[in-house]
């Protein structure tokens, strides 16, 4: 991957709907080159898909929250709790949009959630606290999410 691929990726990460023609204008690369590079990046798994940017305030799930999870290493009388067991249980919750494993001082996972109400957030947290392997759980309400415009692309390495 070179700087041209990186430029295409940076732009698509913020505006996935852009055409090869628009990307060509933004990067200064010929349309055929942009198209070929995108196909190659998709085939290599660098580009895994495309995502619509949704204004969730206008949907049935206007509340967004981050949940910070501290995992227990072992369960009393049961031994080690594999992370994959916790991950598999988290997949059952439609409100959980992303599970992000982090290396942080006081938590191991960050869950991005979309919910109908604060009441549902409270109920979800109570449900998650019952999952074996989740030791502590805290939350932060997302006030606003901003998608940044595409970066200015330099044609230099």
N, C-alpha and C. Protein backbone atom coordinates (compact mmCIF):
# COMPACT_ATOMS: atom_id res chain seq x y z
N UNK A 1 0.84 -1.18 0.00
CA UNK A 1 0.00 0.00 0.00
C UNK A 1 0.89 1.24 0.00
N UNK A 2 0.60 2.17 -0.88
CA UNK A 2 1.39 3.39 -0.94
C UNK A 2 0.55 4.60 -0.54
N UNK A 3 1.12 5.78 -0.67
CA UNK A 3 0.43 7.00 -0.25
C UNK A 3 -0.84 7.25 -1.05
N UNK A 4 -0.89 6.77 -2.30
CA UNK A 4 -2.10 6.94 -3.11
C UNK A 4 -3.24 6.10 -2.54
N UNK A 5 -2.93 4.86 -2.16
CA UNK A 5 -3.94 4.01 -1.51
C UNK A 5 -4.40 4.64 -0.20
N UNK A 6 -3.45 5.14 0.58
CA UNK A 6 -3.78 5.77 1.86
C UNK A 6 -4.71 6.97 1.66
N UNK A 7 -4.47 7.75 0.61
CA UNK A 7 -5.32 8.91 0.33
C UNK A 7 -6.75 8.46 0.01
N UNK A 8 -6.87 7.43 -0.81
CA UNK A 8 -8.20 6.91 -1.16
C UNK A 8 -8.92 6.41 0.09
N UNK A 9 -8.21 5.68 0.93
CA UNK A 9 -8.80 5.13 2.16
C UNK A 9 -9.26 6.24 3.10
N UNK A 10 -8.42 7.26 3.29
CA UNK A 10 -8.78 8.36 4.20
C UNK A 10 -10.07 9.04 3.74
N UNK A 11 -10.20 9.23 2.44
CA UNK A 11 -11.41 9.89 1.92
C UNK A 11 -12.62 8.98 2.07
N UNK A 12 -12.49 7.71 1.66
CA UNK A 12 -13.62 6.78 1.74
C UNK A 12 -14.07 6.53 3.17
N UNK A 13 -13.14 6.60 4.13
CA UNK A 13 -13.50 6.39 5.53
C UNK A 13 -14.49 7.44 6.02
N UNK A 14 -14.47 8.61 5.41
CA UNK A 14 -15.37 9.69 5.84
C UNK A 14 -16.54 9.90 4.89
N UNK A 15 -16.36 9.52 3.63
CA UNK A 15 -17.44 9.69 2.65
C UNK A 15 -17.46 8.49 1.72
N UNK A 16 -18.02 7.40 2.19
CA UNK A 16 -17.99 6.12 1.47
C UNK A 16 -18.78 6.13 0.17
N UNK A 17 -19.69 7.06 0.01
CA UNK A 17 -20.55 7.07 -1.18
C UNK A 17 -19.92 7.74 -2.40
N UNK A 18 -18.73 8.29 -2.27
CA UNK A 18 -18.13 9.02 -3.38
C UNK A 18 -17.85 8.12 -4.57
N UNK A 19 -18.04 8.65 -5.74
CA UNK A 19 -17.77 7.91 -6.98
C UNK A 19 -16.27 7.93 -7.27
N UNK A 20 -15.86 7.05 -8.17
CA UNK A 20 -14.46 7.04 -8.60
C UNK A 20 -14.11 8.38 -9.23
N UNK A 21 -15.06 8.98 -9.92
CA UNK A 21 -14.83 10.29 -10.56
C UNK A 21 -14.52 11.35 -9.48
N UNK A 22 -15.32 11.39 -8.42
CA UNK A 22 -15.09 12.36 -7.35
C UNK A 22 -13.76 12.10 -6.65
N UNK A 23 -13.47 10.83 -6.40
CA UNK A 23 -12.18 10.48 -5.78
C UNK A 23 -11.02 10.88 -6.68
N UNK A 24 -11.20 10.72 -7.98
CA UNK A 24 -10.18 11.10 -8.94
C UNK A 24 -9.87 12.60 -8.83
N UNK A 25 -10.92 13.40 -8.74
CA UNK A 25 -10.72 14.85 -8.62
C UNK A 25 -10.03 15.20 -7.30
N UNK A 26 -10.40 14.51 -6.24
CA UNK A 26 -9.84 14.82 -4.92
C UNK A 26 -8.39 14.38 -4.78
N UNK A 27 -8.02 13.29 -5.45
CA UNK A 27 -6.66 12.75 -5.31
C UNK A 27 -5.73 13.14 -6.45
N UNK A 28 -6.31 13.59 -7.56
CA UNK A 28 -5.48 13.91 -8.72
C UNK A 28 -5.06 12.68 -9.51
N UNK A 29 -5.66 11.53 -9.22
CA UNK A 29 -5.35 10.28 -9.93
C UNK A 29 -6.38 10.06 -11.03
N UNK A 30 -6.01 9.39 -12.11
CA UNK A 30 -6.99 9.07 -13.16
C UNK A 30 -8.11 8.18 -12.60
N UNK A 31 -9.32 8.32 -13.17
CA UNK A 31 -10.48 7.55 -12.71
C UNK A 31 -10.19 6.05 -12.75
N UNK A 32 -9.59 5.58 -13.84
CA UNK A 32 -9.31 4.14 -13.97
C UNK A 32 -8.36 3.66 -12.89
N UNK A 33 -7.40 4.50 -12.52
CA UNK A 33 -6.44 4.14 -11.46
C UNK A 33 -7.16 4.05 -10.12
N UNK A 34 -8.01 5.02 -9.83
CA UNK A 34 -8.78 5.01 -8.58
C UNK A 34 -9.63 3.76 -8.51
N UNK A 35 -10.35 3.47 -9.58
CA UNK A 35 -11.24 2.30 -9.62
C UNK A 35 -10.45 1.00 -9.40
N UNK A 36 -9.34 0.87 -10.09
CA UNK A 36 -8.50 -0.33 -9.97
C UNK A 36 -7.94 -0.47 -8.54
N UNK A 37 -7.50 0.63 -7.97
CA UNK A 37 -6.95 0.59 -6.61
C UNK A 37 -8.04 0.22 -5.59
N UNK A 38 -9.24 0.75 -5.75
CA UNK A 38 -10.34 0.40 -4.84
C UNK A 38 -10.64 -1.09 -4.94
N UNK A 39 -10.71 -1.62 -6.15
CA UNK A 39 -10.96 -3.06 -6.33
C UNK A 39 -9.87 -3.89 -5.65
N UNK A 40 -8.61 -3.46 -5.80
CA UNK A 40 -7.50 -4.18 -5.18
C UNK A 40 -7.58 -4.11 -3.65
N UNK A 41 -7.91 -2.94 -3.12
CA UNK A 41 -8.04 -2.78 -1.66
C UNK A 41 -9.20 -3.60 -1.11
N UNK A 42 -10.29 -3.71 -1.87
CA UNK A 42 -11.41 -4.56 -1.45
C UNK A 42 -11.00 -6.03 -1.47
N UNK A 43 -10.33 -6.46 -2.53
CA UNK A 43 -9.91 -7.86 -2.65
C UNK A 43 -8.92 -8.25 -1.55
N UNK A 44 -8.09 -7.30 -1.14
CA UNK A 44 -7.10 -7.57 -0.10
C UNK A 44 -7.70 -7.49 1.30
N UNK A 45 -8.96 -7.07 1.40
CA UNK A 45 -9.59 -6.98 2.71
C UNK A 45 -9.27 -5.70 3.46
N UNK A 46 -8.58 -4.76 2.81
CA UNK A 46 -8.29 -3.48 3.44
C UNK A 46 -9.59 -2.69 3.58
N UNK A 47 -10.37 -2.66 2.51
CA UNK A 47 -11.71 -2.07 2.56
C UNK A 47 -12.67 -3.23 2.77
N UNK A 48 -13.28 -3.28 3.97
CA UNK A 48 -14.15 -4.40 4.32
C UNK A 48 -15.61 -4.14 3.97
N UNK A 49 -15.96 -2.91 3.71
CA UNK A 49 -17.34 -2.59 3.38
C UNK A 49 -17.54 -1.09 3.41
N UNK A 50 -18.77 -0.68 3.21
CA UNK A 50 -19.11 0.73 3.19
C UNK A 50 -20.26 0.95 4.16
N UNK A 51 -20.30 2.14 4.74
CA UNK A 51 -21.25 2.40 5.82
C UNK A 51 -21.97 3.73 5.59
N UNK A 52 -23.27 3.71 5.77
CA UNK A 52 -24.05 4.94 5.70
C UNK A 52 -23.91 5.70 7.01
N UNK A 53 -23.83 7.01 6.93
CA UNK A 53 -23.80 7.84 8.13
C UNK A 53 -25.24 8.23 8.45
N UNK A 54 -25.72 7.83 9.61
CA UNK A 54 -27.12 7.97 9.96
C UNK A 54 -27.29 9.00 11.07
N UNK A 55 -28.29 9.83 10.94
CA UNK A 55 -28.66 10.76 12.00
C UNK A 55 -29.62 9.99 12.92
N UNK A 56 -29.07 9.39 13.96
CA UNK A 56 -29.88 8.53 14.83
C UNK A 56 -30.91 9.31 15.64
N UNK A 57 -30.75 10.62 15.76
CA UNK A 57 -31.75 11.42 16.46
C UNK A 57 -33.09 11.37 15.73
N UNK A 58 -33.07 11.01 14.46
CA UNK A 58 -34.31 10.95 13.67
C UNK A 58 -34.81 9.52 13.51
N UNK A 59 -34.29 8.61 14.31
CA UNK A 59 -34.70 7.20 14.26
C UNK A 59 -35.38 6.82 15.57
N UNK A 60 -35.73 5.56 15.69
CA UNK A 60 -36.36 5.08 16.93
C UNK A 60 -35.33 4.86 18.05
N UNK A 61 -34.05 5.05 17.75
CA UNK A 61 -33.00 4.88 18.76
C UNK A 61 -32.13 6.14 18.82
N UNK A 62 -32.67 7.21 19.42
CA UNK A 62 -31.94 8.48 19.43
C UNK A 62 -30.85 8.60 20.50
N UNK A 63 -30.80 7.66 21.43
CA UNK A 63 -29.82 7.72 22.52
C UNK A 63 -28.59 6.90 22.15
N UNK A 64 -27.42 7.52 22.28
CA UNK A 64 -26.15 6.81 22.06
C UNK A 64 -25.36 6.86 23.36
N UNK A 65 -24.73 5.76 23.68
CA UNK A 65 -23.92 5.72 24.90
C UNK A 65 -22.72 4.81 24.69
N UNK A 66 -21.65 5.12 25.39
CA UNK A 66 -20.50 4.24 25.46
C UNK A 66 -20.56 3.54 26.81
N UNK A 67 -20.37 2.24 26.79
CA UNK A 67 -20.31 1.47 28.03
C UNK A 67 -18.89 0.98 28.20
N UNK A 68 -18.36 1.17 29.38
CA UNK A 68 -16.99 0.77 29.68
C UNK A 68 -17.05 -0.47 30.57
N UNK A 69 -16.44 -1.55 30.09
CA UNK A 69 -16.56 -2.85 30.75
C UNK A 69 -15.20 -3.28 31.28
N UNK A 70 -15.18 -3.66 32.54
CA UNK A 70 -13.99 -4.28 33.13
C UNK A 70 -14.29 -5.77 33.23
N UNK A 71 -13.47 -6.58 32.60
CA UNK A 71 -13.69 -8.03 32.59
C UNK A 71 -13.05 -8.69 33.79
N UNK A 72 -13.70 -9.72 34.28
CA UNK A 72 -13.13 -10.55 35.35
C UNK A 72 -12.26 -11.61 34.69
N UNK A 73 -11.12 -11.85 35.26
CA UNK A 73 -10.21 -12.87 34.71
C UNK A 73 -10.70 -14.28 35.06
N UNK A 74 -11.24 -14.41 36.27
CA UNK A 74 -11.70 -15.72 36.74
C UNK A 74 -13.05 -15.57 37.43
N UNK A 75 -13.81 -16.65 37.44
CA UNK A 75 -15.09 -16.69 38.15
C UNK A 75 -14.91 -17.56 39.39
N UNK A 76 -15.52 -17.17 40.50
CA UNK A 76 -15.40 -18.00 41.71
C UNK A 76 -15.86 -19.43 41.44
N UNK A 77 -15.06 -20.37 41.86
CA UNK A 77 -15.34 -21.81 41.72
C UNK A 77 -15.43 -22.31 40.28
N UNK A 78 -15.08 -21.48 39.30
CA UNK A 78 -15.16 -21.90 37.90
C UNK A 78 -13.86 -21.73 37.14
N UNK A 79 -12.99 -20.87 37.61
CA UNK A 79 -11.72 -20.67 36.92
C UNK A 79 -11.78 -19.58 35.86
N UNK A 80 -10.89 -19.71 34.90
CA UNK A 80 -10.71 -18.70 33.85
C UNK A 80 -11.97 -18.52 33.00
N UNK A 81 -12.28 -17.27 32.67
CA UNK A 81 -13.42 -16.95 31.80
C UNK A 81 -12.85 -16.43 30.48
N UNK A 82 -12.98 -17.20 29.41
CA UNK A 82 -12.47 -16.73 28.11
C UNK A 82 -13.21 -15.49 27.62
N UNK A 83 -12.46 -14.54 27.06
CA UNK A 83 -13.07 -13.32 26.52
C UNK A 83 -14.11 -13.66 25.46
N UNK A 84 -13.82 -14.68 24.66
CA UNK A 84 -14.74 -15.02 23.57
C UNK A 84 -16.12 -15.39 24.10
N UNK A 85 -16.19 -15.94 25.31
CA UNK A 85 -17.49 -16.26 25.90
C UNK A 85 -18.29 -14.98 26.17
N UNK A 86 -17.60 -13.97 26.68
CA UNK A 86 -18.26 -12.68 26.94
C UNK A 86 -18.66 -12.05 25.61
N UNK A 87 -17.76 -12.06 24.63
CA UNK A 87 -18.05 -11.48 23.31
C UNK A 87 -19.28 -12.14 22.69
N UNK A 88 -19.36 -13.46 22.79
CA UNK A 88 -20.49 -14.19 22.20
C UNK A 88 -21.81 -13.79 22.86
N UNK A 89 -21.79 -13.53 24.16
CA UNK A 89 -23.01 -13.10 24.84
C UNK A 89 -23.39 -11.67 24.45
N UNK A 90 -22.39 -10.83 24.23
CA UNK A 90 -22.66 -9.44 23.85
C UNK A 90 -23.30 -9.35 22.47
N UNK A 91 -23.02 -10.32 21.61
CA UNK A 91 -23.59 -10.34 20.25
C UNK A 91 -25.11 -10.46 20.26
N UNK A 92 -25.68 -10.92 21.37
CA UNK A 92 -27.12 -11.13 21.46
C UNK A 92 -27.92 -9.85 21.70
N UNK A 93 -27.24 -8.75 21.91
CA UNK A 93 -27.92 -7.49 22.22
C UNK A 93 -27.92 -6.58 20.99
N UNK A 94 -29.11 -6.35 20.44
CA UNK A 94 -29.21 -5.53 19.23
C UNK A 94 -28.79 -4.09 19.48
N UNK A 95 -28.83 -3.64 20.73
CA UNK A 95 -28.44 -2.26 21.04
C UNK A 95 -26.93 -2.04 20.95
N UNK A 96 -26.16 -3.12 21.04
CA UNK A 96 -24.70 -2.99 20.98
C UNK A 96 -24.27 -2.96 19.52
N UNK A 97 -23.74 -1.81 19.13
CA UNK A 97 -23.34 -1.57 17.75
C UNK A 97 -21.89 -1.98 17.49
N UNK A 98 -21.04 -1.73 18.47
CA UNK A 98 -19.61 -2.06 18.34
C UNK A 98 -19.07 -2.55 19.67
N UNK A 99 -18.16 -3.51 19.60
CA UNK A 99 -17.40 -3.96 20.76
C UNK A 99 -15.94 -3.67 20.45
N UNK A 100 -15.33 -2.84 21.27
CA UNK A 100 -13.96 -2.41 21.02
C UNK A 100 -13.10 -2.86 22.20
N UNK A 101 -12.13 -3.71 21.92
CA UNK A 101 -11.22 -4.15 22.97
C UNK A 101 -10.11 -3.12 23.08
N UNK A 102 -9.88 -2.65 24.30
CA UNK A 102 -8.89 -1.60 24.53
C UNK A 102 -7.92 -2.01 25.63
N UNK A 103 -6.81 -1.31 25.66
CA UNK A 103 -5.87 -1.48 26.76
C UNK A 103 -5.91 -0.17 27.53
N UNK A 104 -6.63 -0.17 28.63
CA UNK A 104 -6.83 1.05 29.40
C UNK A 104 -6.60 0.77 30.88
N UNK A 105 -6.49 1.83 31.63
CA UNK A 105 -6.23 1.72 33.06
C UNK A 105 -7.34 0.99 33.80
N UNK A 106 -8.59 1.35 33.51
CA UNK A 106 -9.67 0.81 34.34
C UNK A 106 -10.79 0.10 33.58
N UNK A 107 -10.60 -0.20 32.29
CA UNK A 107 -11.59 -1.01 31.58
C UNK A 107 -10.94 -1.74 30.42
N UNK A 108 -11.60 -2.83 30.00
CA UNK A 108 -11.07 -3.71 28.96
C UNK A 108 -11.82 -3.59 27.63
N UNK A 109 -13.10 -3.27 27.71
CA UNK A 109 -13.94 -3.17 26.52
C UNK A 109 -14.70 -1.85 26.53
N UNK A 110 -14.95 -1.36 25.34
CA UNK A 110 -15.82 -0.21 25.17
C UNK A 110 -16.92 -0.65 24.21
N UNK A 111 -18.16 -0.48 24.64
CA UNK A 111 -19.30 -0.86 23.82
C UNK A 111 -20.01 0.40 23.35
N UNK A 112 -20.22 0.50 22.05
CA UNK A 112 -20.99 1.63 21.52
C UNK A 112 -22.42 1.13 21.34
N UNK A 113 -23.35 1.85 21.95
CA UNK A 113 -24.75 1.40 21.94
C UNK A 113 -25.67 2.47 21.35
N UNK A 114 -26.80 1.99 20.83
CA UNK A 114 -27.88 2.85 20.34
C UNK A 114 -29.15 2.36 21.01
N UNK A 115 -29.88 3.28 21.65
CA UNK A 115 -31.04 2.87 22.45
C UNK A 115 -32.23 3.79 22.24
N UNK A 116 -33.41 3.26 22.60
CA UNK A 116 -34.66 4.01 22.49
C UNK A 116 -34.77 5.08 23.57
N UNK A 117 -34.23 4.78 24.77
CA UNK A 117 -34.43 5.69 25.90
C UNK A 117 -33.36 5.47 26.96
N UNK A 118 -33.29 6.41 27.88
CA UNK A 118 -32.38 6.25 29.02
C UNK A 118 -32.84 5.11 29.91
N UNK A 119 -34.13 4.89 29.96
CA UNK A 119 -34.67 3.77 30.73
C UNK A 119 -34.14 2.45 30.16
N UNK A 120 -34.09 2.33 28.83
CA UNK A 120 -33.56 1.11 28.21
C UNK A 120 -32.07 0.99 28.47
N UNK A 121 -31.35 2.11 28.51
CA UNK A 121 -29.92 2.07 28.84
C UNK A 121 -29.73 1.48 30.23
N UNK A 122 -30.52 1.94 31.17
CA UNK A 122 -30.42 1.43 32.54
C UNK A 122 -30.72 -0.06 32.59
N UNK A 123 -31.75 -0.50 31.88
CA UNK A 123 -32.11 -1.92 31.85
C UNK A 123 -31.01 -2.75 31.18
N UNK A 124 -30.45 -2.23 30.10
CA UNK A 124 -29.37 -2.94 29.40
C UNK A 124 -28.17 -3.12 30.33
N UNK A 125 -27.83 -2.09 31.06
CA UNK A 125 -26.69 -2.18 31.98
C UNK A 125 -26.95 -3.23 33.05
N UNK A 126 -28.16 -3.31 33.56
CA UNK A 126 -28.50 -4.34 34.55
C UNK A 126 -28.36 -5.73 33.95
N UNK A 127 -28.81 -5.90 32.71
CA UNK A 127 -28.68 -7.19 32.03
C UNK A 127 -27.22 -7.56 31.83
N UNK A 128 -26.42 -6.60 31.40
CA UNK A 128 -25.00 -6.88 31.14
C UNK A 128 -24.25 -7.21 32.42
N UNK A 129 -24.64 -6.61 33.52
CA UNK A 129 -23.98 -6.90 34.81
C UNK A 129 -24.18 -8.36 35.23
N UNK A 130 -25.19 -9.02 34.68
CA UNK A 130 -25.46 -10.42 35.01
C UNK A 130 -24.64 -11.40 34.17
N UNK A 131 -23.93 -10.90 33.18
CA UNK A 131 -23.12 -11.78 32.33
C UNK A 131 -21.86 -12.18 33.09
N UNK A 132 -21.65 -13.48 33.17
CA UNK A 132 -20.44 -13.98 33.83
C UNK A 132 -19.23 -13.50 33.04
N UNK A 133 -18.32 -12.86 33.75
CA UNK A 133 -17.12 -12.33 33.12
C UNK A 133 -17.10 -10.81 33.10
N UNK A 134 -18.26 -10.20 33.29
CA UNK A 134 -18.31 -8.74 33.39
C UNK A 134 -18.25 -8.38 34.87
N UNK A 135 -17.16 -7.73 35.24
CA UNK A 135 -16.92 -7.40 36.64
C UNK A 135 -17.48 -6.02 37.00
N UNK A 136 -17.18 -5.03 36.16
CA UNK A 136 -17.66 -3.67 36.41
C UNK A 136 -18.15 -3.07 35.10
N UNK A 137 -19.07 -2.13 35.22
CA UNK A 137 -19.67 -1.51 34.05
C UNK A 137 -20.01 -0.06 34.37
N UNK A 138 -19.62 0.84 33.50
CA UNK A 138 -20.01 2.25 33.65
C UNK A 138 -20.39 2.78 32.27
N UNK A 139 -20.99 3.96 32.25
CA UNK A 139 -21.49 4.48 30.98
C UNK A 139 -21.19 5.96 30.81
N UNK A 140 -21.24 6.39 29.57
CA UNK A 140 -21.14 7.80 29.21
C UNK A 140 -22.11 8.04 28.07
N UNK A 141 -23.00 9.01 28.25
CA UNK A 141 -23.96 9.35 27.20
C UNK A 141 -23.22 10.16 26.13
N UNK A 142 -23.44 9.83 24.88
CA UNK A 142 -22.84 10.58 23.78
C UNK A 142 -23.75 11.77 23.49
N UNK A 143 -23.22 12.96 23.62
CA UNK A 143 -23.99 14.18 23.40
C UNK A 143 -24.10 14.48 21.91
N UNK A 144 -22.98 14.37 21.21
CA UNK A 144 -22.97 14.67 19.78
C UNK A 144 -21.86 13.90 19.10
N UNK A 145 -22.15 13.41 17.91
CA UNK A 145 -21.15 12.75 17.09
C UNK A 145 -20.96 13.59 15.84
N UNK A 146 -19.72 13.82 15.48
CA UNK A 146 -19.42 14.64 14.31
C UNK A 146 -18.57 13.84 13.34
N UNK A 147 -19.02 13.77 12.11
CA UNK A 147 -18.22 13.14 11.07
C UNK A 147 -17.43 14.25 10.40
N UNK A 148 -16.13 14.09 10.40
CA UNK A 148 -15.27 15.11 9.83
C UNK A 148 -15.31 15.07 8.31
N UNK A 149 -15.09 16.21 7.66
CA UNK A 149 -15.05 16.21 6.20
C UNK A 149 -13.81 15.48 5.71
N UNK A 150 -13.80 15.08 4.43
CA UNK A 150 -12.62 14.40 3.92
C UNK A 150 -11.39 15.28 4.07
N UNK A 151 -10.25 14.67 4.36
CA UNK A 151 -9.03 15.45 4.52
C UNK A 151 -8.54 16.00 3.18
N UNK A 152 -7.76 17.05 3.25
CA UNK A 152 -7.10 17.54 2.05
C UNK A 152 -5.99 16.56 1.74
N UNK A 153 -5.94 16.10 0.51
CA UNK A 153 -4.99 15.06 0.13
C UNK A 153 -3.79 15.67 -0.56
N UNK A 154 -2.63 15.25 -0.11
CA UNK A 154 -1.39 15.66 -0.75
C UNK A 154 -0.92 14.55 -1.67
N UNK A 155 -0.44 14.87 -2.83
CA UNK A 155 0.05 13.86 -3.77
C UNK A 155 1.52 13.53 -3.53
N UNK A 156 1.99 13.82 -2.35
CA UNK A 156 3.40 13.55 -2.02
C UNK A 156 3.49 12.35 -1.10
N UNK A 157 4.58 11.63 -1.22
CA UNK A 157 4.82 10.46 -0.37
C UNK A 157 5.22 10.89 1.01
